[in-house]
Amino acid sequence: MMLNLTIGVTELNASEVFYRDLLGLQVTRQTAGSAGCFLLVSCGNCQLVLQPVAVMVATHPALFQSFSRQQPGSGVQFELTCPHLGEVEKRLAACQWPIVYELDDQEHQRREIWVHDPDGYLLVLNQE
């Protein structure tokens, strides 16, 4: 079984650069006819489907009546196991991407870096 999560983003190019170049994930740009482009971000047995908010609102207006009242990522957290967290950390630092929180838990042999993506979705990148 594979899990697909669809999230709305404001700018596909910014999301593509963040997930592909900074996090090092496989990102594929797809076209869905009249719905335009979207991104598939592969993470093991899960895919994030990143669709432009404007397309989502136009396609399903009743579902998104209050969408503009909050930041798109408000209340959402994705946790990603990242075996090469040090490399990701260097790429984030090189472009001065803000880190929300860092944890280096020696007792439980776990490191975490918390960052927001360009749309405010909270990503907890961890290495055990």
N, C-alpha and C. Protein backbone atom coordinates (compact mmCIF):
# COMPACT_ATOMS: atom_id res chain seq x y z
N MET A 1 0.83 -1.17 0.00
CA MET A 1 0.00 0.00 0.00
C MET A 1 0.88 1.24 0.00
N MET A 2 0.42 2.27 -0.66
CA MET A 2 1.17 3.52 -0.71
C MET A 2 0.27 4.65 -0.23
N LEU A 3 0.85 5.56 0.54
CA LEU A 3 0.11 6.70 1.05
C LEU A 3 0.44 7.93 0.21
N ASN A 4 -0.59 8.61 -0.29
CA ASN A 4 -0.44 9.87 -1.02
C ASN A 4 -1.13 10.95 -0.21
N LEU A 5 -0.42 12.04 0.07
CA LEU A 5 -0.98 13.18 0.77
C LEU A 5 -0.96 14.37 -0.17
N THR A 6 -2.10 15.02 -0.37
CA THR A 6 -2.17 16.19 -1.23
C THR A 6 -2.21 17.43 -0.36
N ILE A 7 -1.29 18.36 -0.66
CA ILE A 7 -1.27 19.62 0.07
C ILE A 7 -1.24 20.77 -0.93
N GLY A 8 -1.78 21.90 -0.52
CA GLY A 8 -1.80 23.07 -1.37
C GLY A 8 -0.56 23.92 -1.16
N VAL A 9 0.00 24.41 -2.25
CA VAL A 9 1.17 25.28 -2.19
C VAL A 9 0.90 26.52 -3.03
N THR A 10 1.58 27.60 -2.66
CA THR A 10 1.36 28.85 -3.39
C THR A 10 2.24 28.98 -4.62
N GLU A 11 3.43 28.39 -4.59
CA GLU A 11 4.38 28.54 -5.70
C GLU A 11 5.08 27.21 -5.94
N LEU A 12 4.74 26.54 -7.04
CA LEU A 12 5.33 25.23 -7.34
C LEU A 12 6.85 25.29 -7.46
N ASN A 13 7.39 26.31 -8.10
CA ASN A 13 8.84 26.38 -8.28
C ASN A 13 9.58 26.45 -6.96
N ALA A 14 9.09 27.25 -6.02
CA ALA A 14 9.73 27.36 -4.71
C ALA A 14 9.67 26.03 -3.96
N SER A 15 8.54 25.35 -4.05
CA SER A 15 8.40 24.04 -3.40
C SER A 15 9.32 23.01 -4.04
N GLU A 16 9.42 23.06 -5.36
CA GLU A 16 10.29 22.12 -6.07
C GLU A 16 11.75 22.28 -5.64
N VAL A 17 12.20 23.52 -5.57
CA VAL A 17 13.58 23.78 -5.15
C VAL A 17 13.80 23.32 -3.71
N PHE A 18 12.86 23.62 -2.82
CA PHE A 18 13.00 23.24 -1.42
C PHE A 18 13.09 21.72 -1.26
N TYR A 19 12.12 20.99 -1.79
CA TYR A 19 12.08 19.54 -1.58
C TYR A 19 13.17 18.79 -2.35
N ARG A 20 13.48 19.25 -3.54
CA ARG A 20 14.50 18.58 -4.37
C ARG A 20 15.92 18.99 -3.98
N ASP A 21 16.18 20.29 -3.99
CA ASP A 21 17.56 20.76 -3.81
C ASP A 21 18.00 20.83 -2.35
N LEU A 22 17.11 21.24 -1.45
CA LEU A 22 17.50 21.35 -0.05
C LEU A 22 17.34 20.04 0.71
N LEU A 23 16.21 19.36 0.51
CA LEU A 23 16.00 18.10 1.25
C LEU A 23 16.55 16.89 0.51
N GLY A 24 16.80 17.02 -0.78
CA GLY A 24 17.36 15.90 -1.55
C GLY A 24 16.37 14.81 -1.88
N LEU A 25 15.08 15.15 -1.92
CA LEU A 25 14.06 14.16 -2.24
C LEU A 25 13.81 14.12 -3.75
N GLN A 26 13.26 13.00 -4.20
CA GLN A 26 12.92 12.86 -5.61
C GLN A 26 11.63 13.64 -5.88
N VAL A 27 11.70 14.60 -6.79
CA VAL A 27 10.55 15.43 -7.13
C VAL A 27 10.30 15.30 -8.62
N THR A 28 9.05 15.02 -8.98
CA THR A 28 8.66 14.88 -10.37
C THR A 28 7.53 15.86 -10.66
N ARG A 29 7.70 16.64 -11.72
CA ARG A 29 6.65 17.57 -12.14
C ARG A 29 5.72 16.82 -13.09
N GLN A 30 4.43 16.88 -12.82
CA GLN A 30 3.41 16.20 -13.62
C GLN A 30 2.41 17.22 -14.17
N THR A 31 1.75 16.85 -15.24
CA THR A 31 0.69 17.67 -15.81
C THR A 31 -0.61 16.88 -15.78
N ALA A 32 -1.68 17.55 -15.35
CA ALA A 32 -2.99 16.89 -15.26
C ALA A 32 -4.01 17.61 -16.13
N GLY A 33 -3.74 17.70 -17.41
CA GLY A 33 -4.67 18.31 -18.35
C GLY A 33 -5.01 19.75 -17.99
N SER A 34 -6.30 20.03 -17.87
CA SER A 34 -6.75 21.40 -17.59
C SER A 34 -6.42 21.84 -16.17
N ALA A 35 -6.10 20.88 -15.28
CA ALA A 35 -5.76 21.24 -13.89
C ALA A 35 -4.34 21.78 -13.77
N GLY A 36 -3.57 21.72 -14.85
CA GLY A 36 -2.21 22.27 -14.83
C GLY A 36 -1.21 21.33 -14.20
N CYS A 37 -0.11 21.91 -13.73
CA CYS A 37 1.01 21.14 -13.18
C CYS A 37 0.85 20.91 -11.68
N PHE A 38 1.46 19.83 -11.22
CA PHE A 38 1.60 19.54 -9.80
C PHE A 38 2.91 18.81 -9.61
N LEU A 39 3.33 18.68 -8.37
CA LEU A 39 4.58 17.98 -8.06
C LEU A 39 4.30 16.72 -7.27
N LEU A 40 5.06 15.67 -7.56
CA LEU A 40 5.06 14.45 -6.75
C LEU A 40 6.40 14.40 -6.03
N VAL A 41 6.36 14.37 -4.71
CA VAL A 41 7.56 14.28 -3.89
C VAL A 41 7.56 12.88 -3.27
N SER A 42 8.55 12.08 -3.63
CA SER A 42 8.61 10.69 -3.16
C SER A 42 9.40 10.59 -1.87
N CYS A 43 8.81 9.91 -0.90
CA CYS A 43 9.43 9.68 0.41
C CYS A 43 9.14 8.24 0.81
N GLY A 44 9.93 7.29 0.32
CA GLY A 44 9.69 5.88 0.65
C GLY A 44 8.34 5.43 0.10
N ASN A 45 7.48 4.93 0.99
CA ASN A 45 6.15 4.45 0.58
C ASN A 45 5.09 5.54 0.67
N CYS A 46 5.51 6.77 0.64
CA CYS A 46 4.60 7.91 0.72
C CYS A 46 4.96 8.90 -0.38
N GLN A 47 3.94 9.53 -0.93
CA GLN A 47 4.17 10.61 -1.88
C GLN A 47 3.39 11.82 -1.42
N LEU A 48 4.05 12.97 -1.44
CA LEU A 48 3.36 14.24 -1.26
C LEU A 48 2.98 14.73 -2.64
N VAL A 49 1.73 15.08 -2.80
CA VAL A 49 1.26 15.66 -4.04
C VAL A 49 1.08 17.14 -3.75
N LEU A 50 1.90 17.98 -4.38
CA LEU A 50 1.85 19.41 -4.16
C LEU A 50 1.11 20.07 -5.30
N GLN A 51 -0.06 20.61 -4.98
CA GLN A 51 -0.89 21.25 -6.00
C GLN A 51 -0.99 22.74 -5.71
N PRO A 52 -1.02 23.56 -6.74
CA PRO A 52 -1.21 24.99 -6.51
C PRO A 52 -2.56 25.24 -5.84
N VAL A 53 -2.55 26.09 -4.82
CA VAL A 53 -3.77 26.41 -4.08
C VAL A 53 -4.83 26.96 -5.03
N ALA A 54 -4.42 27.81 -5.96
CA ALA A 54 -5.39 28.41 -6.90
C ALA A 54 -6.15 27.34 -7.68
N VAL A 55 -5.46 26.28 -8.08
CA VAL A 55 -6.10 25.18 -8.81
C VAL A 55 -7.06 24.43 -7.90
N MET A 56 -6.62 24.17 -6.66
CA MET A 56 -7.48 23.46 -5.71
C MET A 56 -8.76 24.25 -5.42
N VAL A 57 -8.63 25.55 -5.22
CA VAL A 57 -9.79 26.40 -4.94
C VAL A 57 -10.72 26.44 -6.15
N ALA A 58 -10.16 26.57 -7.35
CA ALA A 58 -10.99 26.62 -8.56
C ALA A 58 -11.71 25.30 -8.80
N THR A 59 -11.04 24.19 -8.49
CA THR A 59 -11.62 22.86 -8.72
C THR A 59 -12.66 22.49 -7.67
N HIS A 60 -12.42 22.86 -6.42
CA HIS A 60 -13.30 22.49 -5.30
C HIS A 60 -13.60 23.71 -4.43
N PRO A 61 -14.31 24.72 -4.93
CA PRO A 61 -14.50 25.96 -4.19
C PRO A 61 -15.19 25.78 -2.84
N ALA A 62 -16.14 24.88 -2.72
CA ALA A 62 -16.85 24.69 -1.45
C ALA A 62 -15.94 24.18 -0.35
N LEU A 63 -14.96 23.37 -0.71
CA LEU A 63 -14.05 22.81 0.29
C LEU A 63 -13.04 23.83 0.80
N PHE A 64 -12.81 24.88 0.04
CA PHE A 64 -11.75 25.82 0.38
C PHE A 64 -12.26 27.24 0.66
N GLN A 65 -13.50 27.36 1.11
CA GLN A 65 -14.06 28.68 1.37
C GLN A 65 -13.25 29.46 2.39
N SER A 66 -12.71 28.79 3.39
CA SER A 66 -11.95 29.49 4.44
C SER A 66 -10.46 29.28 4.30
N PHE A 67 -10.01 28.76 3.18
CA PHE A 67 -8.60 28.43 2.99
C PHE A 67 -7.69 29.63 3.16
N SER A 68 -8.10 30.78 2.66
CA SER A 68 -7.22 31.95 2.70
C SER A 68 -7.14 32.58 4.09
N ARG A 69 -7.91 32.12 5.04
CA ARG A 69 -7.88 32.71 6.39
C ARG A 69 -6.67 32.26 7.21
N GLN A 70 -6.07 31.16 6.83
CA GLN A 70 -4.95 30.62 7.58
C GLN A 70 -3.80 30.29 6.64
N GLN A 71 -2.60 30.24 7.23
CA GLN A 71 -1.43 29.79 6.49
C GLN A 71 -1.70 28.35 6.05
N PRO A 72 -1.41 27.97 4.79
CA PRO A 72 -1.72 26.60 4.33
C PRO A 72 -1.19 25.49 5.22
N GLY A 73 -0.02 25.64 5.82
CA GLY A 73 0.57 24.58 6.62
C GLY A 73 0.16 24.59 8.08
N SER A 74 -0.75 25.46 8.45
CA SER A 74 -1.14 25.62 9.85
C SER A 74 -1.68 24.30 10.43
N GLY A 75 -1.04 23.84 11.48
CA GLY A 75 -1.49 22.63 12.18
C GLY A 75 -1.04 21.32 11.56
N VAL A 76 -0.19 21.37 10.54
CA VAL A 76 0.27 20.16 9.87
C VAL A 76 1.76 19.95 10.16
N GLN A 77 2.11 18.71 10.47
CA GLN A 77 3.51 18.37 10.71
C GLN A 77 3.83 17.08 9.98
N PHE A 78 4.92 17.10 9.21
CA PHE A 78 5.40 15.91 8.53
C PHE A 78 6.71 15.51 9.18
N GLU A 79 6.85 14.25 9.52
CA GLU A 79 8.10 13.76 10.08
C GLU A 79 8.77 12.86 9.06
N LEU A 80 10.01 13.21 8.71
CA LEU A 80 10.74 12.48 7.69
C LEU A 80 12.02 11.92 8.29
N THR A 81 12.22 10.61 8.15
CA THR A 81 13.49 10.01 8.56
C THR A 81 14.51 10.34 7.48
N CYS A 82 15.61 10.88 7.92
CA CYS A 82 16.60 11.43 7.01
C CYS A 82 17.96 10.84 7.36
N PRO A 83 18.40 9.77 6.68
CA PRO A 83 19.65 9.12 7.04
C PRO A 83 20.88 10.00 6.88
N HIS A 84 20.81 11.03 6.07
CA HIS A 84 21.95 11.92 5.83
C HIS A 84 21.60 13.34 6.30
N LEU A 85 21.16 13.45 7.54
CA LEU A 85 20.70 14.71 8.09
C LEU A 85 21.79 15.79 8.05
N GLY A 86 23.03 15.40 8.26
CA GLY A 86 24.13 16.35 8.22
C GLY A 86 24.25 17.04 6.88
N GLU A 87 24.05 16.30 5.79
CA GLU A 87 24.12 16.88 4.45
C GLU A 87 22.97 17.86 4.22
N VAL A 88 21.79 17.48 4.66
CA VAL A 88 20.63 18.36 4.53
C VAL A 88 20.86 19.64 5.34
N GLU A 89 21.40 19.47 6.54
CA GLU A 89 21.68 20.61 7.41
C GLU A 89 22.65 21.58 6.74
N LYS A 90 23.67 21.06 6.05
CA LYS A 90 24.64 21.92 5.34
C LYS A 90 23.96 22.68 4.20
N ARG A 91 23.07 22.02 3.47
CA ARG A 91 22.37 22.70 2.36
C ARG A 91 21.45 23.79 2.90
N LEU A 92 20.76 23.51 4.01
CA LEU A 92 19.89 24.52 4.62
C LEU A 92 20.71 25.72 5.08
N ALA A 93 21.86 25.46 5.70
CA ALA A 93 22.72 26.54 6.19
C ALA A 93 23.29 27.35 5.02
N ALA A 94 23.65 26.69 3.94
CA ALA A 94 24.24 27.38 2.79
C ALA A 94 23.29 28.40 2.19
N CYS A 95 22.00 28.12 2.22
CA CYS A 95 21.04 29.08 1.67
C CYS A 95 20.36 29.89 2.78
N GLN A 96 20.86 29.74 4.00
CA GLN A 96 20.34 30.47 5.17
C GLN A 96 18.86 30.21 5.41
N TRP A 97 18.45 28.94 5.23
CA TRP A 97 17.06 28.58 5.49
C TRP A 97 16.86 28.54 7.01
N PRO A 98 15.84 29.21 7.53
CA PRO A 98 15.65 29.27 8.98
C PRO A 98 15.30 27.90 9.58
N ILE A 99 16.00 27.56 10.64
CA ILE A 99 15.72 26.34 11.40
C ILE A 99 14.90 26.74 12.62
N VAL A 100 13.75 26.08 12.78
CA VAL A 100 12.84 26.40 13.87
C VAL A 100 13.34 25.84 15.19
N TYR A 101 13.87 24.61 15.13
CA TYR A 101 14.24 23.92 16.37
C TYR A 101 15.24 22.82 16.03
N GLU A 102 16.19 22.61 16.92
CA GLU A 102 17.15 21.52 16.77
C GLU A 102 17.18 20.71 18.05
N LEU A 103 17.30 19.41 17.91
CA LEU A 103 17.38 18.52 19.05
C LEU A 103 18.49 17.51 18.77
N ASP A 104 19.38 17.37 19.73
CA ASP A 104 20.43 16.35 19.64
C ASP A 104 20.33 15.54 20.93
N ASP A 105 19.53 14.48 20.90
CA ASP A 105 19.23 13.67 22.08
C ASP A 105 20.19 12.48 22.13
N GLN A 106 21.31 12.65 22.83
CA GLN A 106 22.33 11.60 22.93
C GLN A 106 21.78 10.35 23.61
N GLU A 107 20.94 10.54 24.61
CA GLU A 107 20.40 9.41 25.36
C GLU A 107 19.60 8.45 24.47
N HIS A 108 18.82 9.00 23.58
CA HIS A 108 17.98 8.19 22.69
C HIS A 108 18.57 8.08 21.27
N GLN A 109 19.78 8.60 21.09
CA GLN A 109 20.49 8.55 19.81
C GLN A 109 19.60 9.05 18.65
N ARG A 110 19.09 10.27 18.84
CA ARG A 110 18.19 10.85 17.84
C ARG A 110 18.53 12.33 17.66
N ARG A 111 18.63 12.74 16.41
CA ARG A 111 18.79 14.15 16.06
C ARG A 111 17.56 14.59 15.27
N GLU A 112 17.16 15.81 15.52
CA GLU A 112 16.04 16.38 14.78
C GLU A 112 16.36 17.80 14.37
N ILE A 113 15.86 18.17 13.22
CA ILE A 113 15.87 19.55 12.76
C ILE A 113 14.45 19.85 12.30
N TRP A 114 13.88 20.91 12.84
CA TRP A 114 12.53 21.32 12.46
C TRP A 114 12.65 22.53 11.55
N VAL A 115 12.00 22.46 10.38
CA VAL A 115 11.98 23.57 9.43
C VAL A 115 10.58 23.70 8.85
N HIS A 116 10.27 24.88 8.37
CA HIS A 116 9.04 25.09 7.62
C HIS A 116 9.38 25.10 6.14
N ASP A 117 8.52 24.50 5.34
CA ASP A 117 8.72 24.59 3.89
C ASP A 117 8.23 25.97 3.42
N PRO A 118 8.32 26.28 2.13
CA PRO A 118 7.94 27.62 1.67
C PRO A 118 6.49 28.02 1.98
N ASP A 119 5.62 27.04 2.24
CA ASP A 119 4.22 27.35 2.54
C ASP A 119 3.87 27.21 4.01
N GLY A 120 4.87 26.99 4.84
CA GLY A 120 4.62 26.93 6.28
C GLY A 120 4.34 25.56 6.84
N TYR A 121 4.40 24.51 6.02
CA TYR A 121 4.23 23.16 6.55
C TYR A 121 5.46 22.83 7.39
N LEU A 122 5.23 22.32 8.59
CA LEU A 122 6.32 21.99 9.50
C LEU A 122 6.87 20.60 9.16
N LEU A 123 8.18 20.54 8.93
CA LEU A 123 8.86 19.27 8.65
C LEU A 123 9.82 18.99 9.78
N VAL A 124 9.67 17.82 10.38
CA VAL A 124 10.60 17.35 11.40
C VAL A 124 11.49 16.33 10.72
N LEU A 125 12.73 16.72 10.48
CA LEU A 125 13.71 15.85 9.83
C LEU A 125 14.48 15.16 10.94
N ASN A 126 14.47 13.84 10.94
CA ASN A 126 15.15 13.14 12.03
C ASN A 126 16.11 12.09 11.51
N GLN A 127 17.10 11.83 12.33
CA GLN A 127 18.07 10.76 12.07
C GLN A 127 18.27 10.03 13.38
N GLU A 128 18.10 8.72 13.32
CA GLU A 128 18.28 7.92 14.53
C GLU A 128 19.55 7.11 14.45
